Amino acid sequence: MLFLISSSPDTKEFKTSYTLAKNMNADVCLMQNAVYASRYLNDNSLYILHDEINLRGISENEISGTLIDYNKLVDLMTGSDRVAGIF
């Protein structure tokens, strides 16, 4: 299963969805404002959209996880049995 999370890390939605994904051993892709969480989660299993960190002025050296592009996101989505979007 793949969780797409876009909520800001300081929201209830982010905290709930991230915890649920981790409890389910699901893959997590951070998008939009959720990419800010990659700076402090210290979770190397995260997927982070490269364009999103660039838009927000976040350096690659500041994050944990794997940077991906939109083509890789499509591959992850089509390769997963289920995809959940948490906005």
PDB file of N, CA and C in Angstrom:
ATOM      1  N   MET A   1       0.838  -1.173   0.000  1.00  0.00           N
ATOM      2  CA  MET A   1       0.000   0.000   0.000  1.00  0.00           C
ATOM      3  C   MET A   1       0.885   1.238   0.000  1.00  0.00           C
ATOM      4  N   LEU A   2       0.399   2.263  -0.660  1.00  0.00           N
ATOM      5  CA  LEU A   2       1.121   3.533  -0.749  1.00  0.00           C
ATOM      6  C   LEU A   2       0.242   4.651  -0.206  1.00  0.00           C
ATOM      7  N   PHE A   3       0.776   5.421   0.714  1.00  0.00           N
ATOM      8  CA  PHE A   3       0.093   6.604   1.233  1.00  0.00           C
ATOM      9  C   PHE A   3       0.716   7.839   0.600  1.00  0.00           C
ATOM     10  N   LEU A   4      -0.106   8.696   0.031  1.00  0.00           N
ATOM     11  CA  LEU A   4       0.329   9.998  -0.479  1.00  0.00           C
ATOM     12  C   LEU A   4      -0.118  11.038   0.532  1.00  0.00           C
ATOM     13  N   ILE A   5       0.840  11.694   1.161  1.00  0.00           N
ATOM     14  CA  ILE A   5       0.512  12.659   2.213  1.00  0.00           C
ATOM     15  C   ILE A   5       0.940  14.044   1.761  1.00  0.00           C
ATOM     16  N   SER A   6       0.003  14.994   1.833  1.00  0.00           N
ATOM     17  CA  SER A   6       0.314  16.359   1.413  1.00  0.00           C
ATOM     18  C   SER A   6       0.109  17.388   2.520  1.00  0.00           C
ATOM     19  N   SER A   7      -0.481  17.000   3.628  1.00  0.00           N
ATOM     20  CA  SER A   7      -0.758  17.934   4.719  1.00  0.00           C
ATOM     21  C   SER A   7       0.527  18.385   5.401  1.00  0.00           C
ATOM     22  N   SER A   8       0.507  19.586   5.890  1.00  0.00           N
ATOM     23  CA  SER A   8       1.634  20.122   6.636  1.00  0.00           C
ATOM     24  C   SER A   8       1.903  19.251   7.865  1.00  0.00           C
ATOM     25  N   PRO A   9       3.164  19.052   8.232  1.00  0.00           N
ATOM     26  CA  PRO A   9       3.510  18.154   9.345  1.00  0.00           C
ATOM     27  C   PRO A   9       2.944  18.561  10.701  1.00  0.00           C
ATOM     28  N   ASP A  10       2.523  19.803  10.850  1.00  0.00           N
ATOM     29  CA  ASP A  10       1.983  20.235  12.142  1.00  0.00           C
ATOM     30  C   ASP A  10       0.472  20.026  12.255  1.00  0.00           C
ATOM     31  N   THR A  11      -0.127  19.338  11.287  1.00  0.00           N
ATOM     32  CA  THR A  11      -1.578  19.123  11.314  1.00  0.00           C
ATOM     33  C   THR A  11      -1.921  17.737  11.848  1.00  0.00           C
ATOM     34  N   LYS A  12      -3.141  17.620  12.331  1.00  0.00           N
ATOM     35  CA  LYS A  12      -3.656  16.339  12.806  1.00  0.00           C
ATOM     36  C   LYS A  12      -3.697  15.328  11.666  1.00  0.00           C
ATOM     37  N   GLU A  13      -4.052  15.785  10.470  1.00  0.00           N
ATOM     38  CA  GLU A  13      -4.149  14.890   9.316  1.00  0.00           C
ATOM     39  C   GLU A  13      -2.798  14.235   9.007  1.00  0.00           C
ATOM     40  N   PHE A  14      -1.746  15.030   9.060  1.00  0.00           N
ATOM     41  CA  PHE A  14      -0.416  14.470   8.797  1.00  0.00           C
ATOM     42  C   PHE A  14      -0.059  13.442   9.853  1.00  0.00           C
ATOM     43  N   LYS A  15      -0.184  13.812  11.096  1.00  0.00           N
ATOM     44  CA  LYS A  15       0.219  12.920  12.184  1.00  0.00           C
ATOM     45  C   LYS A  15      -0.561  11.611  12.156  1.00  0.00           C
ATOM     46  N   THR A  16      -1.862  11.705  11.909  1.00  0.00           N
ATOM     47  CA  THR A  16      -2.697  10.507  11.861  1.00  0.00           C
ATOM     48  C   THR A  16      -2.329   9.625  10.677  1.00  0.00           C
ATOM     49  N   SER A  17      -2.188  10.206   9.509  1.00  0.00           N
ATOM     50  CA  SER A  17      -1.911   9.412   8.311  1.00  0.00           C
ATOM     51  C   SER A  17      -0.506   8.814   8.349  1.00  0.00           C
ATOM     52  N   TYR A  18       0.472   9.559   8.830  1.00  0.00           N
ATOM     53  CA  TYR A  18       1.834   9.034   8.916  1.00  0.00           C
ATOM     54  C   TYR A  18       1.891   7.856   9.891  1.00  0.00           C
ATOM     55  N   THR A  19       1.254   8.003  11.043  1.00  0.00           N
ATOM     56  CA  THR A  19       1.231   6.930  12.036  1.00  0.00           C
ATOM     57  C   THR A  19       0.517   5.702  11.483  1.00  0.00           C
ATOM     58  N   LEU A  20      -0.611   5.911  10.828  1.00  0.00           N
ATOM     59  CA  LEU A  20      -1.355   4.800  10.244  1.00  0.00           C
ATOM     60  C   LEU A  20      -0.514   4.075   9.191  1.00  0.00           C
ATOM     61  N   ALA A  21       0.130   4.826   8.323  1.00  0.00           N
ATOM     62  CA  ALA A  21       0.967   4.229   7.279  1.00  0.00           C
ATOM     63  C   ALA A  21       2.092   3.408   7.881  1.00  0.00           C
ATOM     64  N   LYS A  22       2.745   3.938   8.890  1.00  0.00           N
ATOM     65  CA  LYS A  22       3.849   3.219   9.521  1.00  0.00           C
ATOM     66  C   LYS A  22       3.351   1.958  10.222  1.00  0.00           C
ATOM     67  N   ASN A  23       2.197   2.041  10.876  1.00  0.00           N
ATOM     68  CA  ASN A  23       1.627   0.866  11.542  1.00  0.00           C
ATOM     69  C   ASN A  23       1.242  -0.223  10.544  1.00  0.00           C
ATOM     70  N   MET A  24       0.931   0.165   9.326  1.00  0.00           N
ATOM     71  CA  MET A  24       0.546  -0.784   8.278  1.00  0.00           C
ATOM     72  C   MET A  24       1.744  -1.230   7.436  1.00  0.00           C
ATOM     73  N   ASN A  25       2.928  -0.741   7.750  1.00  0.00           N
ATOM     74  CA  ASN A  25       4.128  -1.011   6.951  1.00  0.00           C
ATOM     75  C   ASN A  25       3.937  -0.613   5.496  1.00  0.00           C
ATOM     76  N   ALA A  26       3.226   0.467   5.289  1.00  0.00           N
ATOM     77  CA  ALA A  26       2.960   0.973   3.939  1.00  0.00           C
ATOM     78  C   ALA A  26       4.063   1.928   3.512  1.00  0.00           C
ATOM     79  N   ASP A  27       4.199   2.087   2.212  1.00  0.00           N
ATOM     80  CA  ASP A  27       5.109   3.104   1.684  1.00  0.00           C
ATOM     81  C   ASP A  27       4.466   4.469   1.859  1.00  0.00           C
ATOM     82  N   VAL A  28       5.304   5.491   2.030  1.00  0.00           N
ATOM     83  CA  VAL A  28       4.820   6.858   2.221  1.00  0.00           C
ATOM     84  C   VAL A  28       5.529   7.774   1.243  1.00  0.00           C
ATOM     85  N   CYS A  29       4.746   8.556   0.514  1.00  0.00           N
ATOM     86  CA  CYS A  29       5.296   9.588  -0.350  1.00  0.00           C
ATOM     87  C   CYS A  29       4.812  10.941   0.151  1.00  0.00           C
ATOM     88  N   LEU A  30       5.754  11.826   0.426  1.00  0.00           N
ATOM     89  CA  LEU A  30       5.430  13.172   0.893  1.00  0.00           C
ATOM     90  C   LEU A  30       5.355  14.120  -0.295  1.00  0.00           C
ATOM     91  N   MET A  31       4.286  14.901  -0.318  1.00  0.00           N
ATOM     92  CA  MET A  31       4.045  15.860  -1.388  1.00  0.00           C
ATOM     93  C   MET A  31       3.682  17.207  -0.759  1.00  0.00           C
ATOM     94  N   GLN A  32       3.694  18.230  -1.569  1.00  0.00           N
ATOM     95  CA  GLN A  32       3.270  19.571  -1.166  1.00  0.00           C
ATOM     96  C   GLN A  32       3.889  19.932   0.177  1.00  0.00           C
ATOM     97  N   ASN A  33       3.122  20.465   1.129  1.00  0.00           N
ATOM     98  CA  ASN A  33       3.696  20.920   2.399  1.00  0.00           C
ATOM     99  C   ASN A  33       4.188  19.790   3.301  1.00  0.00           C
ATOM    100  N   ALA A  34       3.784  18.565   3.018  1.00  0.00           N
ATOM    101  CA  ALA A  34       4.244  17.430   3.830  1.00  0.00           C
ATOM    102  C   ALA A  34       5.753  17.216   3.706  1.00  0.00           C
ATOM    103  N   VAL A  35       6.363  17.725   2.636  1.00  0.00           N
ATOM    104  CA  VAL A  35       7.812  17.517   2.471  1.00  0.00           C
ATOM    105  C   VAL A  35       8.616  18.159   3.587  1.00  0.00           C
ATOM    106  N   TYR A  36       8.055  19.138   4.276  1.00  0.00           N
ATOM    107  CA  TYR A  36       8.768  19.747   5.402  1.00  0.00           C
ATOM    108  C   TYR A  36       9.093  18.708   6.481  1.00  0.00           C
ATOM    109  N   ALA A  37       8.257  17.678   6.605  1.00  0.00           N
ATOM    110  CA  ALA A  37       8.477  16.648   7.620  1.00  0.00           C
ATOM    111  C   ALA A  37       9.746  15.848   7.354  1.00  0.00           C
ATOM    112  N   SER A  38      10.189  15.792   6.119  1.00  0.00           N
ATOM    113  CA  SER A  38      11.385  15.011   5.789  1.00  0.00           C
ATOM    114  C   SER A  38      12.637  15.594   6.428  1.00  0.00           C
ATOM    115  N   ARG A  39      12.539  16.815   6.933  1.00  0.00           N
ATOM    116  CA  ARG A  39      13.693  17.434   7.590  1.00  0.00           C
ATOM    117  C   ARG A  39      13.892  16.948   9.015  1.00  0.00           C
ATOM    118  N   TYR A  40      12.843  16.425   9.647  1.00  0.00           N
ATOM    119  CA  TYR A  40      13.012  16.027  11.046  1.00  0.00           C
ATOM    120  C   TYR A  40      12.546  14.603  11.372  1.00  0.00           C
ATOM    121  N   LEU A  41      11.916  13.903  10.447  1.00  0.00           N
ATOM    122  CA  LEU A  41      11.419  12.561  10.760  1.00  0.00           C
ATOM    123  C   LEU A  41      12.515  11.516  10.856  1.00  0.00           C
ATOM    124  N   ASN A  42      13.638  11.713  10.187  1.00  0.00           N
ATOM    125  CA  ASN A  42      14.729  10.736  10.188  1.00  0.00           C
ATOM    126  C   ASN A  42      14.214   9.353   9.782  1.00  0.00           C
ATOM    127  N   ASP A  43      13.468   9.328   8.680  1.00  0.00           N
ATOM    128  CA  ASP A  43      12.853   8.101   8.168  1.00  0.00           C
ATOM    129  C   ASP A  43      13.333   7.891   6.735  1.00  0.00           C
ATOM    130  N   ASN A  44      14.296   7.017   6.569  1.00  0.00           N
ATOM    131  CA  ASN A  44      14.882   6.793   5.244  1.00  0.00           C
ATOM    132  C   ASN A  44      13.977   6.012   4.297  1.00  0.00           C
ATOM    133  N   SER A  45      12.843   5.525   4.789  1.00  0.00           N
ATOM    134  CA  SER A  45      11.928   4.788   3.920  1.00  0.00           C
ATOM    135  C   SER A  45      10.947   5.709   3.185  1.00  0.00           C
ATOM    136  N   LEU A  46      10.980   6.992   3.476  1.00  0.00           N
ATOM    137  CA  LEU A  46      10.073   7.947   2.827  1.00  0.00           C
ATOM    138  C   LEU A  46      10.458   8.175   1.370  1.00  0.00           C
ATOM    139  N   TYR A  47       9.450   8.435   0.553  1.00  0.00           N
ATOM    140  CA  TYR A  47       9.655   8.957  -0.795  1.00  0.00           C
ATOM    141  C   TYR A  47       9.256  10.428  -0.759  1.00  0.00           C
ATOM    142  N   ILE A  48      10.081  11.263  -1.346  1.00  0.00           N
ATOM    143  CA  ILE A  48       9.837  12.709  -1.338  1.00  0.00           C
ATOM    144  C   ILE A  48       9.959  13.223  -2.761  1.00  0.00           C
ATOM    145  N   LEU A  49       8.961  13.978  -3.186  1.00  0.00           N
ATOM    146  CA  LEU A  49       9.006  14.533  -4.537  1.00  0.00           C
ATOM    147  C   LEU A  49      10.058  15.636  -4.616  1.00  0.00           C
ATOM    148  N   HIS A  50      10.995  15.444  -5.509  1.00  0.00           N
ATOM    149  CA  HIS A  50      12.115  16.368  -5.669  1.00  0.00           C
ATOM    150  C   HIS A  50      11.643  17.778  -6.012  1.00  0.00           C
ATOM    151  N   ASP A  51      10.697  17.897  -6.933  1.00  0.00           N
ATOM    152  CA  ASP A  51      10.188  19.227  -7.307  1.00  0.00           C
ATOM    153  C   ASP A  51       9.592  19.970  -6.123  1.00  0.00           C
ATOM    154  N   GLU A  52       8.985  19.232  -5.209  1.00  0.00           N
ATOM    155  CA  GLU A  52       8.342  19.870  -4.046  1.00  0.00           C
ATOM    156  C   GLU A  52       9.369  20.478  -3.096  1.00  0.00           C
ATOM    157  N   ILE A  53      10.506  19.779  -2.869  1.00  0.00           N
ATOM    158  CA  ILE A  53      11.502  20.388  -1.976  1.00  0.00           C
ATOM    159  C   ILE A  53      12.159  21.585  -2.655  1.00  0.00           C
ATOM    160  N   ASN A  54      12.333  21.509  -3.960  1.00  0.00           N
ATOM    161  CA  ASN A  54      12.898  22.653  -4.684  1.00  0.00           C
ATOM    162  C   ASN A  54      11.989  23.872  -4.585  1.00  0.00           C
ATOM    163  N   LEU A  55      10.700  23.665  -4.740  1.00  0.00           N
ATOM    164  CA  LEU A  55       9.748  24.778  -4.651  1.00  0.00           C
ATOM    165  C   LEU A  55       9.757  25.447  -3.280  1.00  0.00           C
ATOM    166  N   ARG A  56      10.084  24.675  -2.263  1.00  0.00           N
ATOM    167  CA  ARG A  56      10.043  25.189  -0.892  1.00  0.00           C
ATOM    168  C   ARG A  56      11.418  25.576  -0.361  1.00  0.00           C
ATOM    169  N   GLY A  57      12.424  25.529  -1.217  1.00  0.00           N
ATOM    170  CA  GLY A  57      13.767  25.950  -0.820  1.00  0.00           C
ATOM    171  C   GLY A  57      14.450  25.017   0.155  1.00  0.00           C
ATOM    172  N   ILE A  58      14.076  23.743   0.138  1.00  0.00           N
ATOM    173  CA  ILE A  58      14.686  22.759   1.026  1.00  0.00           C
ATOM    174  C   ILE A  58      15.829  22.088   0.272  1.00  0.00           C
ATOM    175  N   SER A  59      16.960  21.996   0.913  1.00  0.00           N
ATOM    176  CA  SER A  59      18.138  21.371   0.320  1.00  0.00           C
ATOM    177  C   SER A  59      18.065  19.847   0.447  1.00  0.00           C
ATOM    178  N   GLU A  60      18.641  19.161  -0.508  1.00  0.00           N
ATOM    179  CA  GLU A  60      18.712  17.696  -0.464  1.00  0.00           C
ATOM    180  C   GLU A  60      19.455  17.216   0.777  1.00  0.00           C
ATOM    181  N   ASN A  61      20.379  18.020   1.283  1.00  0.00           N
ATOM    182  CA  ASN A  61      21.164  17.655   2.466  1.00  0.00           C
ATOM    183  C   ASN A  61      20.359  17.734   3.760  1.00  0.00           C
ATOM    184  N   GLU A  62      19.193  18.384   3.714  1.00  0.00           N
ATOM    185  CA  GLU A  62      18.385  18.583   4.913  1.00  0.00           C
ATOM    186  C   GLU A  62      17.385  17.464   5.164  1.00  0.00           C
ATOM    187  N   ILE A  63      17.208  16.561   4.243  1.00  0.00           N
ATOM    188  CA  ILE A  63      16.106  15.610   4.335  1.00  0.00           C
ATOM    189  C   ILE A  63      16.587  14.181   4.556  1.00  0.00           C
ATOM    190  N   SER A  64      15.665  13.353   5.019  1.00  0.00           N
ATOM    191  CA  SER A  64      15.894  11.907   5.034  1.00  0.00           C
ATOM    192  C   SER A  64      14.845  11.292   4.124  1.00  0.00           C
ATOM    193  N   GLY A  65      15.220  10.234   3.448  1.00  0.00           N
ATOM    194  CA  GLY A  65      14.304   9.600   2.520  1.00  0.00           C
ATOM    195  C   GLY A  65      14.885   9.575   1.124  1.00  0.00           C
ATOM    196  N   THR A  66      14.079   9.109   0.185  1.00  0.00           N
ATOM    197  CA  THR A  66      14.491   8.967  -1.202  1.00  0.00           C
ATOM    198  C   THR A  66      13.784   9.998  -2.062  1.00  0.00           C
ATOM    199  N   LEU A  67      14.568  10.789  -2.763  1.00  0.00           N
ATOM    200  CA  LEU A  67      13.978  11.773  -3.676  1.00  0.00           C
ATOM    201  C   LEU A  67      13.513  11.068  -4.946  1.00  0.00           C
ATOM    202  N   ILE A  68      12.312  11.425  -5.389  1.00  0.00           N
ATOM    203  CA  ILE A  68      11.767  10.836  -6.610  1.00  0.00           C
ATOM    204  C   ILE A  68      11.191  11.937  -7.492  1.00  0.00           C
ATOM    205  N   ASP A  69      11.011  11.606  -8.765  1.00  0.00           N
ATOM    206  CA  ASP A  69      10.342  12.526  -9.675  1.00  0.00           C
ATOM    207  C   ASP A  69       8.922  12.010  -9.918  1.00  0.00           C
ATOM    208  N   TYR A  70       8.164  12.725 -10.747  1.00  0.00           N
ATOM    209  CA  TYR A  70       6.774  12.341 -10.978  1.00  0.00           C
ATOM    210  C   TYR A  70       6.659  11.016 -11.730  1.00  0.00           C
ATOM    211  N   ASN A  71       7.618  10.693 -12.579  1.00  0.00           N
ATOM    212  CA  ASN A  71       7.585   9.400 -13.266  1.00  0.00           C
ATOM    213  C   ASN A  71       7.714   8.247 -12.273  1.00  0.00           C
ATOM    214  N   LYS A  72       8.599   8.401 -11.290  1.00  0.00           N
ATOM    215  CA  LYS A  72       8.761   7.372 -10.261  1.00  0.00           C
ATOM    216  C   LYS A  72       7.504   7.275  -9.401  1.00  0.00           C
ATOM    217  N   LEU A  73       6.849   8.410  -9.146  1.00  0.00           N
ATOM    218  CA  LEU A  73       5.600   8.393  -8.382  1.00  0.00           C
ATOM    219  C   LEU A  73       4.543   7.568  -9.117  1.00  0.00           C
ATOM    220  N   VAL A  74       4.444   7.759 -10.417  1.00  0.00           N
ATOM    221  CA  VAL A  74       3.497   6.977 -11.214  1.00  0.00           C
ATOM    222  C   VAL A  74       3.843   5.493 -11.124  1.00  0.00           C
ATOM    223  N   ASP A  75       5.129   5.160 -11.191  1.00  0.00           N
ATOM    224  CA  ASP A  75       5.552   3.764 -11.056  1.00  0.00           C
ATOM    225  C   ASP A  75       5.152   3.197  -9.689  1.00  0.00           C
ATOM    226  N   LEU A  76       5.348   3.983  -8.636  1.00  0.00           N
ATOM    227  CA  LEU A  76       4.968   3.530  -7.297  1.00  0.00           C
ATOM    228  C   LEU A  76       3.459   3.300  -7.198  1.00  0.00           C
ATOM    229  N   MET A  77       2.694   4.225  -7.776  1.00  0.00           N
ATOM    230  CA  MET A  77       1.242   4.119  -7.713  1.00  0.00           C
ATOM    231  C   MET A  77       0.721   2.914  -8.491  1.00  0.00           C
ATOM    232  N   THR A  78       1.262   2.704  -9.665  1.00  0.00           N
ATOM    233  CA  THR A  78       0.794   1.575 -10.469  1.00  0.00           C
ATOM    234  C   THR A  78       1.301   0.247  -9.952  1.00  0.00           C
ATOM    235  N   GLY A  79       2.388   0.268  -9.199  1.00  0.00           N
ATOM    236  CA  GLY A  79       2.940  -0.955  -8.638  1.00  0.00           C
ATOM    237  C   GLY A  79       2.363  -1.336  -7.284  1.00  0.00           C
ATOM    238  N   SER A  80       1.566  -0.466  -6.698  1.00  0.00           N
ATOM    239  CA  SER A  80       0.973  -0.735  -5.386  1.00  0.00           C
ATOM    240  C   SER A  80      -0.413  -1.355  -5.555  1.00  0.00           C
ATOM    241  N   ASP A  81      -0.767  -2.215  -4.621  1.00  0.00           N
ATOM    242  CA  ASP A  81      -2.094  -2.812  -4.698  1.00  0.00           C
ATOM    243  C   ASP A  81      -3.187  -1.810  -4.325  1.00  0.00           C
ATOM    244  N   ARG A  82      -2.848  -0.839  -3.471  1.00  0.00           N
ATOM    245  CA  ARG A  82      -3.783   0.208  -3.082  1.00  0.00           C
ATOM    246  C   ARG A  82      -3.017   1.512  -2.874  1.00  0.00           C
ATOM    247  N   VAL A  83      -3.695   2.627  -3.161  1.00  0.00           N
ATOM    248  CA  VAL A  83      -3.114   3.953  -2.949  1.00  0.00           C
ATOM    249  C   VAL A  83      -4.121   4.780  -2.173  1.00  0.00           C
ATOM    250  N   ALA A  84      -3.652   5.409  -1.094  1.00  0.00           N
ATOM    251  CA  ALA A  84      -4.507   6.276  -0.284  1.00  0.00           C
ATOM    252  C   ALA A  84      -3.931   7.681  -0.312  1.00  0.00           C
ATOM    253  N   GLY A  85      -4.753   8.642  -0.674  1.00  0.00           N
ATOM    254  CA  GLY A  85      -4.335  10.040  -0.668  1.00  0.00           C
ATOM    255  C   GLY A  85      -4.859  10.732   0.577  1.00  0.00           C
ATOM    256  N   ILE A  86      -3.962  11.306   1.351  1.00  0.00           N
ATOM    257  CA  ILE A  86      -4.336  12.018   2.574  1.00  0.00           C
ATOM    258  C   ILE A  86      -4.012  13.481   2.370  1.00  0.00           C
ATOM    259  N   PHE A  87      -5.030  14.302   2.300  1.00  0.00           N
ATOM    260  CA  PHE A  87      -4.820  15.713   2.019  1.00  0.00           C
ATOM    261  C   PHE A  87      -5.234  16.531   3.196  1.00  0.00           C
TER     262      PHE A  87
END
